[in-house]
Amino acid sequence: MAGLLGRVGLVLAALTAVPMLVALAGGFWSAGLRYGLVIAALVSACWPLARLPLPADLRSNEGLAVTALAFLLAPPIMAYPLSAAGIGYAAALFEAVSAVTTCGLTVLPTVADKPFDFLFARAWMQWYGGLGFVALLPLWLEPGPLSRQLLGLEGESAPLTSAWIYTRRIVAVYLFLTAFGFLWLWLLGGDPFAALVHVLAAVSTGGFSSLDGGLLELGKPFAGGVIAVSVLGALPFAAYLSKPWRDLQVQTLIVFGLALGGAIAAVLVWQQGLDFEQALFHGLLTAFSAQTTAGFSTLATDSLPPVALGLLLGAMLCGGGVGSTAGGVKILRGLLVFAALRRQLRRLALPPHAWMPWQLGKLSLDEALVCRAQVLLFLYWLTAFGSWLPFLALGYDPLRSLFEVVSALGTVGLSAGIARPDLPGGLQFVLELDMWLGRVEVFAALALLHPATWRAR
């Protein structure tokens, strides 16, 4: 496990060279020096570990622990160069956690006064945070034929071999979506830097923006293009290698997004008096922003009516597809829970000893996979409830504080106005913890803390 973690650290060092070069090219010598120190420290610490042999039979709990450690250790390291923008280490740490976990929540009052190397670095961290999450997925995804089928790895059995094959395929898809999205957004918005920052944040469903006034600063076509790229990032990447329109998760995400967008549009017309065309535009973009867990906004989320916030809560918790950069519980697991409910209701009409297969449409399911989906959904709700209580104890609005917690746990980034510079440090830590738990999907954190993970084989 140490050998794999060392290799991940060396990859992080290589990726950190990009913002270092950007900082140096722009004349931001302090930031560039800090990135250089980070690279040197990572190489010094990880090179000896990377030379250790990899285990032939990496276990799921070990893969989970590596994932949890990678997302836990990267933000404190990367906060050091981010703080060169004059924001203080605590604020830089919040930005780094939000970036690496692809959440997008921020406690900065403005980004208009920040240098371009800082804005690029945040978006770049979101980009490789999303890529890292998807690339490490085969090491710890639920075992079983359905999971391997979803990742396109039916013919592979060795975990590390599968991870390498899957990573090569996914990196190719990721690079293509990024390049395509950049050219498209540049054409729509006319600003190459804004296009670059937003495509890095959109394809990773991260949500960091270089615009204080929201996506509409560069026009409606640009705003629609950013959300469209976010949808592409929230679809299972393996589906791009076959026929994505036949993928159940792709179909469900589109249907959910359209239905939620229509519902929010109706609320905006009914309670805020917007005309239908404007309400539909904002409703659809906000709905897909929440469903994909991208977290971009075209209107102030904290000004939405309570019923609209309630609708968005469900979308943020659900999230995008398994094998995408999106957060949340994931659409597939939600469908598994509903399939289990449907099966239980059907069993009530059958004799006690009747056998009924576990199925989701035409897909055959493993009972253990369904059970794990149910446990994960319970853990998400339990984590959200536990994180919500400190906000209630300090007198924050119940609905808006719950919205903020679910947004952090789902790695969404939409804010109901709670995440601000004056948010107490303890509550900032709660949101940082939620972002980490949401990105590694809770199970990885539990595996990291479980004694069995660290016992000698």
Protein backbone atom coordinates (compact mmCIF):
# COMPACT_ATOMS: atom_id res chain seq x y z
CA MET A 1 0.00 0.00 0.00
CA ALA A 2 2.90 2.37 0.75
CA GLY A 3 4.29 1.77 -2.74
CA LEU A 4 1.01 2.76 -4.37
CA LEU A 5 0.69 5.85 -2.15
CA GLY A 6 4.25 6.84 -3.12
CA ARG A 7 3.37 6.61 -6.80
CA VAL A 8 0.28 8.77 -6.23
CA GLY A 9 2.49 11.33 -4.49
CA LEU A 10 4.89 11.45 -7.44
CA VAL A 11 1.96 12.01 -9.80
CA LEU A 12 0.83 14.89 -7.58
CA ALA A 13 4.34 16.35 -7.75
CA ALA A 14 4.29 16.19 -11.55
CA LEU A 15 0.85 17.83 -11.69
CA THR A 16 2.02 20.60 -9.34
CA ALA A 17 4.65 21.59 -11.90
CA VAL A 18 1.90 23.03 -14.12
CA PRO A 19 0.70 25.80 -11.74
CA MET A 20 4.35 26.44 -10.82
CA LEU A 21 5.17 27.17 -14.46
CA VAL A 22 2.07 29.35 -14.79
CA ALA A 23 3.06 31.33 -11.69
CA LEU A 24 6.63 31.79 -12.87
CA ALA A 25 5.53 32.78 -16.37
CA GLY A 26 3.27 35.44 -14.87
CA GLY A 27 5.99 36.81 -12.63
CA PHE A 28 4.45 35.53 -9.37
CA TRP A 29 7.78 34.48 -7.90
CA SER A 30 6.58 33.85 -4.35
CA ALA A 31 3.88 31.42 -5.48
CA GLY A 32 6.26 29.79 -7.96
CA LEU A 33 8.86 29.24 -5.23
CA ARG A 34 6.25 27.69 -2.95
CA TYR A 35 5.14 25.29 -5.66
CA GLY A 36 8.78 24.36 -6.20
CA LEU A 37 9.21 23.62 -2.49
CA VAL A 38 6.07 21.47 -2.54
CA ILE A 39 7.38 19.50 -5.52
CA ALA A 40 10.75 18.96 -3.82
CA ALA A 41 9.09 17.81 -0.60
CA LEU A 42 6.77 15.41 -2.42
CA VAL A 43 9.57 13.88 -4.47
CA SER A 44 11.79 13.49 -1.40
CA ALA A 45 9.06 11.81 0.63
CA CYS A 46 7.45 9.70 -2.10
CA TRP A 47 10.41 8.53 -4.18
CA PRO A 48 11.56 5.92 -1.61
CA LEU A 49 7.97 4.71 -1.16
CA ALA A 50 7.40 4.45 -4.90
CA ARG A 51 10.34 2.07 -5.19
CA LEU A 52 8.64 -0.44 -2.91
CA PRO A 53 7.07 -3.41 -4.76
CA LEU A 54 3.35 -3.34 -5.35
CA PRO A 55 1.26 -6.19 -3.90
CA ALA A 56 -0.07 -8.67 -6.41
CA ASP A 57 -3.43 -8.87 -4.67
CA LEU A 58 -4.32 -5.38 -3.50
CA ARG A 59 -7.39 -5.64 -1.31
CA SER A 60 -10.41 -3.37 -1.46
CA ASN A 61 -9.78 -1.90 1.99
CA GLU A 62 -6.20 -1.05 0.98
CA GLY A 63 -7.40 0.67 -2.18
CA LEU A 64 -9.93 2.60 -0.12
CA ALA A 65 -7.25 3.64 2.37
CA VAL A 66 -4.93 4.87 -0.41
CA THR A 67 -7.77 6.92 -1.90
CA ALA A 68 -8.69 8.40 1.47
CA LEU A 69 -5.08 9.30 2.26
CA ALA A 70 -4.50 10.87 -1.15
CA PHE A 71 -7.48 13.22 -0.77
CA LEU A 72 -6.68 13.86 2.90
CA LEU A 73 -3.00 14.78 2.52
CA ALA A 74 -3.11 16.76 -0.74
CA PRO A 75 -5.09 19.83 0.50
CA PRO A 76 -2.82 20.78 3.47
CA ILE A 77 0.17 20.55 1.12
CA MET A 78 -1.38 22.56 -1.70
CA ALA A 79 -2.77 25.22 0.66
CA TYR A 80 0.77 26.49 1.20
CA PRO A 81 1.30 27.82 -2.35
CA LEU A 82 -2.33 29.00 -2.58
CA SER A 83 -1.79 31.21 0.47
CA ALA A 84 0.73 33.24 -1.57
CA ALA A 85 -2.30 35.10 -2.93
CA GLY A 86 -2.55 36.85 0.44
CA ILE A 87 -5.56 35.00 1.84
CA GLY A 88 -4.04 33.32 4.90
CA TYR A 89 -3.41 29.62 5.40
CA ALA A 90 -6.84 28.82 6.94
CA ALA A 91 -8.73 30.28 3.96
CA ALA A 92 -6.24 28.68 1.57
CA LEU A 93 -6.82 25.31 3.24
CA PHE A 94 -10.59 25.63 2.74
CA GLU A 95 -10.02 26.50 -0.93
CA ALA A 96 -7.60 23.59 -1.35
CA VAL A 97 -9.98 21.07 0.22
CA SER A 98 -12.80 22.39 -1.93
CA ALA A 99 -10.58 22.22 -5.02
CA VAL A 100 -9.10 18.74 -4.58
CA THR A 101 -12.47 17.24 -3.63
CA THR A 102 -14.06 19.03 -6.64
CA CYS A 103 -16.64 20.68 -4.41
CA GLY A 104 -16.44 24.39 -5.24
CA LEU A 105 -17.56 25.93 -1.95
CA THR A 106 -15.55 29.03 -1.07
CA VAL A 107 -15.26 31.40 1.87
CA LEU A 108 -13.61 34.14 -0.20
CA PRO A 109 -15.73 37.30 -0.51
CA THR A 110 -14.44 37.91 -4.04
CA VAL A 111 -12.12 36.40 -6.64
CA ALA A 112 -11.97 39.47 -8.89
CA ASP A 113 -8.95 40.76 -6.98
CA LYS A 114 -7.04 37.46 -7.11
CA PRO A 115 -4.12 36.92 -9.52
CA PHE A 116 -4.68 34.66 -12.49
CA ASP A 117 -2.18 32.07 -11.24
CA PHE A 118 -4.35 31.55 -8.14
CA LEU A 119 -7.53 31.19 -10.19
CA PHE A 120 -5.83 28.77 -12.55
CA ALA A 121 -4.36 26.72 -9.70
CA ARG A 122 -7.78 26.24 -8.04
CA ALA A 123 -9.34 25.06 -11.29
CA TRP A 124 -6.33 22.87 -12.09
CA MET A 125 -6.59 21.19 -8.68
CA GLN A 126 -10.24 20.48 -9.35
CA TRP A 127 -9.33 19.03 -12.74
CA TYR A 128 -6.78 16.57 -11.39
CA GLY A 129 -8.91 15.89 -8.29
CA GLY A 130 -11.71 14.70 -10.56
CA LEU A 131 -9.33 12.69 -12.70
CA GLY A 132 -7.71 11.12 -9.63
CA PHE A 133 -11.03 10.06 -8.19
CA VAL A 134 -12.14 8.36 -11.40
CA ALA A 135 -8.71 6.81 -12.05
CA LEU A 136 -8.53 5.21 -8.58
CA LEU A 137 -12.10 3.88 -8.80
CA PRO A 138 -11.27 0.29 -9.88
CA LEU A 139 -9.14 -0.18 -6.74
CA TRP A 140 -12.11 0.04 -4.41
CA LEU A 141 -15.41 0.02 -6.29
CA GLU A 142 -17.93 -2.51 -5.08
CA PRO A 143 -16.86 -5.99 -6.20
CA GLY A 144 -18.98 -7.96 -8.61
CA PRO A 145 -19.69 -8.41 -12.32
CA LEU A 146 -22.00 -5.40 -12.56
CA SER A 147 -19.33 -2.99 -11.32
CA ARG A 148 -16.75 -4.38 -13.73
CA GLN A 149 -19.27 -4.22 -16.56
CA LEU A 150 -19.95 -0.56 -15.78
CA LEU A 151 -16.23 0.18 -15.99
CA GLY A 152 -15.72 -1.90 -19.12
CA LEU A 153 -13.39 -4.35 -17.34
CA GLU A 154 -15.27 -7.64 -17.66
CA GLY A 155 -12.21 -9.49 -18.99
CA GLU A 156 -9.76 -8.38 -16.29
CA SER A 157 -9.41 -9.89 -12.83
CA ALA A 158 -6.21 -8.46 -11.29
CA PRO A 159 -7.07 -5.17 -9.52
CA LEU A 160 -3.88 -3.31 -10.41
CA THR A 161 -3.97 -4.50 -14.03
CA SER A 162 -7.60 -3.45 -14.26
CA ALA A 163 -6.79 -0.06 -12.76
CA TRP A 164 -4.03 0.55 -15.31
CA ILE A 165 -6.19 -0.45 -18.29
CA TYR A 166 -9.13 1.59 -17.03
CA THR A 167 -6.95 4.62 -16.25
CA ARG A 168 -5.49 4.71 -19.77
CA ARG A 169 -8.97 4.67 -21.28
CA ILE A 170 -10.39 7.25 -18.90
CA VAL A 171 -7.47 9.66 -19.26
CA ALA A 172 -8.01 9.63 -23.03
CA VAL A 173 -11.72 10.44 -22.59
CA TYR A 174 -10.94 13.09 -19.97
CA LEU A 175 -8.39 14.84 -22.17
CA PHE A 176 -10.73 14.80 -25.15
CA LEU A 177 -13.62 16.29 -23.15
CA THR A 178 -11.30 18.96 -21.74
CA ALA A 179 -9.90 19.96 -25.14
CA PHE A 180 -13.32 19.93 -26.79
CA GLY A 181 -14.88 21.88 -23.92
CA PHE A 182 -12.14 24.52 -23.97
CA LEU A 183 -12.54 25.26 -27.66
CA TRP A 184 -16.31 25.32 -27.31
CA LEU A 185 -16.33 27.70 -24.32
CA TRP A 186 -13.73 29.95 -25.94
CA LEU A 187 -15.99 30.24 -28.97
CA LEU A 188 -19.06 30.95 -26.81
CA GLY A 189 -17.46 33.39 -24.38
CA GLY A 190 -14.61 34.95 -26.33
CA ASP A 191 -12.26 34.88 -23.31
CA PRO A 192 -9.59 32.14 -23.50
CA PHE A 193 -8.60 32.35 -19.82
CA ALA A 194 -12.21 32.17 -18.62
CA ALA A 195 -12.77 29.27 -21.01
CA LEU A 196 -9.74 27.43 -19.61
CA VAL A 197 -10.64 27.94 -15.95
CA HIS A 198 -14.27 26.99 -16.48
CA VAL A 199 -13.61 23.90 -18.58
CA LEU A 200 -11.17 22.58 -15.95
CA ALA A 201 -13.80 23.12 -13.28
CA ALA A 202 -16.73 21.91 -15.41
CA VAL A 203 -15.36 18.61 -16.73
CA SER A 204 -14.37 17.75 -13.15
CA THR A 205 -17.81 18.92 -11.93
CA GLY A 206 -15.90 21.20 -9.58
CA GLY A 207 -17.60 24.57 -9.97
CA PHE A 208 -14.85 27.11 -9.24
CA SER A 209 -15.28 30.23 -11.35
CA SER A 210 -13.11 33.22 -12.17
CA LEU A 211 -16.23 35.41 -12.33
CA ASP A 212 -17.71 37.14 -9.28
CA GLY A 213 -21.06 37.75 -10.92
CA GLY A 214 -21.73 34.18 -12.04
CA LEU A 215 -21.68 32.56 -15.44
CA LEU A 216 -23.94 35.19 -17.01
CA GLU A 217 -21.08 37.72 -17.01
CA LEU A 218 -20.02 36.18 -20.34
CA GLY A 219 -23.54 35.70 -21.66
CA LYS A 220 -26.20 33.01 -21.74
CA PRO A 221 -24.51 30.89 -24.44
CA PHE A 222 -21.36 30.67 -22.31
CA ALA A 223 -23.39 29.77 -19.21
CA GLY A 224 -25.25 27.05 -21.09
CA GLY A 225 -21.98 25.73 -22.51
CA VAL A 226 -20.40 25.44 -19.05
CA ILE A 227 -23.38 23.48 -17.72
CA ALA A 228 -23.32 21.24 -20.81
CA VAL A 229 -19.65 20.40 -20.18
CA SER A 230 -20.56 19.68 -16.57
CA VAL A 231 -23.17 17.19 -17.77
CA LEU A 232 -20.51 15.49 -19.89
CA GLY A 233 -18.29 15.21 -16.82
CA ALA A 234 -21.10 13.73 -14.72
CA LEU A 235 -21.79 10.87 -17.14
CA PRO A 236 -20.01 7.53 -16.62
CA PHE A 237 -16.78 7.83 -18.58
CA ALA A 238 -16.85 4.17 -19.58
CA ALA A 239 -20.14 4.87 -21.39
CA TYR A 240 -18.26 7.07 -23.88
CA LEU A 241 -16.39 3.97 -25.05
CA SER A 242 -19.60 2.25 -26.18
CA LYS A 243 -23.08 3.73 -26.72
CA PRO A 244 -23.75 6.32 -24.00
CA TRP A 245 -27.38 6.89 -24.97
CA ARG A 246 -28.13 3.29 -23.96
CA ASP A 247 -26.61 3.67 -20.50
CA LEU A 248 -29.25 3.64 -17.75
CA GLN A 249 -27.39 6.23 -15.69
CA VAL A 250 -27.13 8.60 -18.66
CA GLN A 251 -30.85 8.29 -19.34
CA THR A 252 -31.75 8.79 -15.68
CA LEU A 253 -29.55 11.86 -15.25
CA ILE A 254 -31.08 13.58 -18.27
CA VAL A 255 -34.64 12.75 -17.19
CA PHE A 256 -34.01 13.83 -13.59
CA GLY A 257 -32.37 17.07 -14.70
CA LEU A 258 -35.20 18.00 -17.05
CA ALA A 259 -37.88 17.17 -14.48
CA LEU A 260 -36.12 19.09 -11.72
CA GLY A 261 -35.46 22.03 -14.04
CA GLY A 262 -39.14 22.22 -14.91
CA ALA A 263 -40.12 22.08 -11.24
CA ILE A 264 -37.71 24.86 -10.26
CA ALA A 265 -38.87 26.97 -13.21
CA ALA A 266 -42.45 26.62 -12.00
CA VAL A 267 -41.39 27.73 -8.51
CA LEU A 268 -39.56 30.77 -9.92
CA VAL A 269 -42.64 31.78 -11.93
CA TRP A 270 -45.01 31.15 -9.03
CA GLN A 271 -43.09 32.64 -6.10
CA GLN A 272 -40.68 35.13 -7.66
CA GLY A 273 -42.66 36.35 -10.66
CA LEU A 274 -40.09 35.55 -13.35
CA ASP A 275 -41.35 35.25 -16.90
CA PHE A 276 -41.51 31.67 -18.18
CA GLU A 277 -38.57 31.82 -20.59
CA GLN A 278 -36.23 33.32 -17.99
CA ALA A 279 -37.45 30.93 -15.29
CA LEU A 280 -36.95 27.91 -17.54
CA PHE A 281 -33.40 29.00 -18.41
CA HIS A 282 -32.39 29.45 -14.78
CA GLY A 283 -34.36 26.40 -13.66
CA LEU A 284 -32.72 24.02 -16.12
CA LEU A 285 -29.18 25.31 -15.58
CA THR A 286 -29.54 25.28 -11.78
CA ALA A 287 -31.07 21.80 -11.85
CA PHE A 288 -28.31 20.29 -13.98
CA SER A 289 -25.70 22.16 -11.96
CA ALA A 290 -27.01 20.47 -8.80
CA GLN A 291 -27.63 17.05 -10.38
CA THR A 292 -24.14 16.91 -11.87
CA THR A 293 -22.71 18.31 -8.57
CA ALA A 294 -20.90 20.98 -10.59
CA GLY A 295 -22.20 23.84 -8.43
CA PHE A 296 -22.08 26.64 -11.01
CA SER A 297 -24.81 29.23 -10.68
CA THR A 298 -26.63 31.67 -12.90
CA LEU A 299 -28.56 33.24 -10.02
CA ALA A 300 -27.99 33.72 -6.30
CA THR A 301 -28.83 30.39 -4.66
CA ASP A 302 -29.37 32.05 -1.29
CA SER A 303 -32.25 34.03 -2.81
CA LEU A 304 -34.18 30.94 -3.94
CA PRO A 305 -37.46 30.08 -2.20
CA PRO A 306 -37.34 27.28 0.41
CA VAL A 307 -39.20 24.84 -1.83
CA ALA A 308 -36.55 25.29 -4.56
CA LEU A 309 -33.78 24.66 -2.03
CA GLY A 310 -35.62 21.52 -0.94
CA LEU A 311 -35.79 20.26 -4.52
CA LEU A 312 -32.07 20.92 -5.01
CA LEU A 313 -31.24 19.02 -1.81
CA GLY A 314 -32.44 15.76 -3.35
CA ALA A 315 -30.52 16.33 -6.57
CA MET A 316 -27.29 17.17 -4.73
CA LEU A 317 -27.52 14.06 -2.58
CA CYS A 318 -28.21 11.85 -5.62
CA GLY A 319 -25.39 13.20 -7.82
CA GLY A 320 -24.16 11.87 -11.16
CA GLY A 321 -23.10 8.50 -12.53
CA VAL A 322 -20.75 5.91 -11.09
CA GLY A 323 -17.44 6.21 -12.94
CA SER A 324 -17.78 9.97 -13.45
CA THR A 325 -16.24 12.93 -11.64
CA ALA A 326 -19.58 13.78 -10.00
CA GLY A 327 -20.18 13.51 -6.28
CA GLY A 328 -23.22 12.43 -4.30
CA VAL A 329 -24.45 8.91 -3.63
CA LYS A 330 -24.57 8.36 -7.39
CA ILE A 331 -27.55 7.60 -9.61
CA LEU A 332 -26.82 3.88 -9.88
CA ARG A 333 -26.94 3.38 -6.12
CA GLY A 334 -30.19 5.29 -5.90
CA LEU A 335 -31.64 3.03 -8.58
CA LEU A 336 -30.38 -0.02 -6.66
CA VAL A 337 -32.19 1.13 -3.52
CA PHE A 338 -35.43 1.64 -5.47
CA ALA A 339 -34.97 -1.77 -7.10
CA ALA A 340 -34.65 -3.32 -3.64
CA LEU A 341 -37.82 -1.53 -2.51
CA ARG A 342 -39.70 -2.71 -5.58
CA ARG A 343 -38.50 -6.28 -5.01
CA GLN A 344 -39.63 -6.22 -1.39
CA LEU A 345 -43.08 -4.99 -2.37
CA ARG A 346 -43.40 -7.72 -5.00
CA ARG A 347 -42.34 -10.36 -2.51
CA LEU A 348 -45.31 -9.50 -0.31
CA ALA A 349 -47.59 -11.03 -2.94
CA LEU A 350 -45.54 -14.26 -3.31
CA PRO A 351 -45.36 -17.43 -1.22
CA PRO A 352 -42.69 -17.33 1.57
CA HIS A 353 -40.35 -19.77 -0.21
CA ALA A 354 -40.64 -18.24 -3.69
CA TRP A 355 -37.33 -17.23 -5.29
CA MET A 356 -36.99 -13.83 -6.92
CA PRO A 357 -33.81 -12.63 -8.65
CA TRP A 358 -32.19 -9.28 -7.93
CA GLN A 359 -32.53 -7.18 -11.08
CA LEU A 360 -32.29 -3.60 -12.28
CA GLY A 361 -33.98 -3.51 -15.65
CA LYS A 362 -32.09 -6.12 -17.68
CA LEU A 363 -29.07 -6.07 -15.36
CA SER A 364 -28.60 -8.93 -12.91
CA LEU A 365 -27.56 -7.73 -9.46
CA ASP A 366 -25.58 -9.13 -6.59
CA GLU A 367 -27.41 -8.90 -3.26
CA ALA A 368 -24.21 -7.66 -1.58
CA LEU A 369 -24.05 -4.77 -4.06
CA VAL A 370 -27.60 -3.73 -3.22
CA CYS A 371 -26.85 -4.00 0.50
CA ARG A 372 -23.77 -1.79 0.15
CA ALA A 373 -25.78 0.84 -1.72
CA GLN A 374 -28.31 0.90 1.11
CA VAL A 375 -25.57 1.19 3.73
CA LEU A 376 -23.88 4.00 1.83
CA LEU A 377 -27.13 5.95 1.56
CA PHE A 378 -27.61 5.53 5.31
CA LEU A 379 -24.04 6.70 5.98
CA TYR A 380 -24.56 9.81 3.86
CA TRP A 381 -27.70 10.73 5.77
CA LEU A 382 -26.03 9.98 9.10
CA THR A 383 -23.04 12.14 8.18
CA ALA A 384 -25.29 14.96 7.00
CA PHE A 385 -27.30 14.83 10.23
CA GLY A 386 -24.19 14.83 12.41
CA SER A 387 -22.73 17.75 10.45
CA TRP A 388 -26.00 19.68 10.59
CA LEU A 389 -26.21 19.70 14.40
CA PRO A 390 -23.28 22.12 15.02
CA PHE A 391 -24.91 24.67 12.70
CA LEU A 392 -28.19 24.34 14.58
CA ALA A 393 -26.39 24.65 17.91
CA LEU A 394 -24.91 28.00 16.80
CA GLY A 395 -28.28 29.32 15.66
CA TYR A 396 -28.00 29.07 11.88
CA ASP A 397 -31.13 28.77 9.76
CA PRO A 398 -32.09 25.05 9.69
CA LEU A 399 -32.90 24.74 5.99
CA ARG A 400 -29.98 26.81 4.73
CA SER A 401 -27.46 25.13 7.01
CA LEU A 402 -28.73 21.69 5.91
CA PHE A 403 -28.39 22.85 2.30
CA GLU A 404 -24.78 23.89 2.95
CA VAL A 405 -23.93 20.57 4.61
CA VAL A 406 -25.46 18.49 1.81
CA SER A 407 -23.74 20.68 -0.78
CA ALA A 408 -20.37 19.98 0.87
CA LEU A 409 -21.08 16.27 1.36
CA GLY A 410 -22.24 15.92 -2.24
CA THR A 411 -19.19 17.93 -3.41
CA VAL A 412 -21.56 20.32 -5.17
CA GLY A 413 -20.54 23.82 -4.15
CA LEU A 414 -23.88 25.61 -4.37
CA SER A 415 -24.25 27.84 -1.33
CA ALA A 416 -27.26 29.11 0.56
CA GLY A 417 -25.18 31.94 2.01
CA ILE A 418 -23.65 30.08 4.97
CA ALA A 419 -20.10 29.65 3.61
CA ARG A 420 -18.72 33.15 4.08
CA PRO A 421 -15.50 34.73 5.39
CA ASP A 422 -17.06 35.18 8.85
CA LEU A 423 -18.06 31.52 9.20
CA PRO A 424 -16.55 30.24 12.48
CA GLY A 425 -13.45 28.10 12.07
CA GLY A 426 -15.12 25.09 13.68
CA LEU A 427 -17.93 25.14 11.13
CA GLN A 428 -15.44 25.59 8.30
CA PHE A 429 -13.75 22.43 9.54
CA VAL A 430 -17.10 20.61 9.52
CA LEU A 431 -17.61 21.56 5.88
CA GLU A 432 -14.03 20.57 5.01
CA LEU A 433 -14.59 17.20 6.65
CA ASP A 434 -17.84 16.79 4.73
CA MET A 435 -16.13 17.59 1.44
CA TRP A 436 -13.48 14.94 2.12
CA LEU A 437 -16.00 12.32 3.27
CA GLY A 438 -18.21 13.03 0.28
CA ARG A 439 -15.37 12.74 -2.21
CA VAL A 440 -14.10 9.41 -0.86
CA GLU A 441 -17.70 8.26 -0.27
CA VAL A 442 -17.40 7.67 3.51
CA PHE A 443 -16.42 4.00 3.08
CA ALA A 444 -12.83 4.97 2.30
CA ALA A 445 -12.59 7.02 5.49
CA LEU A 446 -13.95 4.10 7.52
CA ALA A 447 -11.50 1.72 5.87
CA LEU A 448 -8.65 4.12 6.64
CA LEU A 449 -9.59 4.16 10.34
CA HIS A 450 -10.38 0.46 10.63
CA PRO A 451 -7.64 -1.52 12.43
CA ALA A 452 -7.92 -4.46 10.00
CA THR A 453 -6.56 -2.25 7.19
CA TRP A 454 -3.25 -1.83 9.02
CA ARG A 455 -2.72 -5.41 10.20
CA ALA A 456 0.21 -7.25 8.69
CA ARG A 457 -0.81 -9.84 6.16
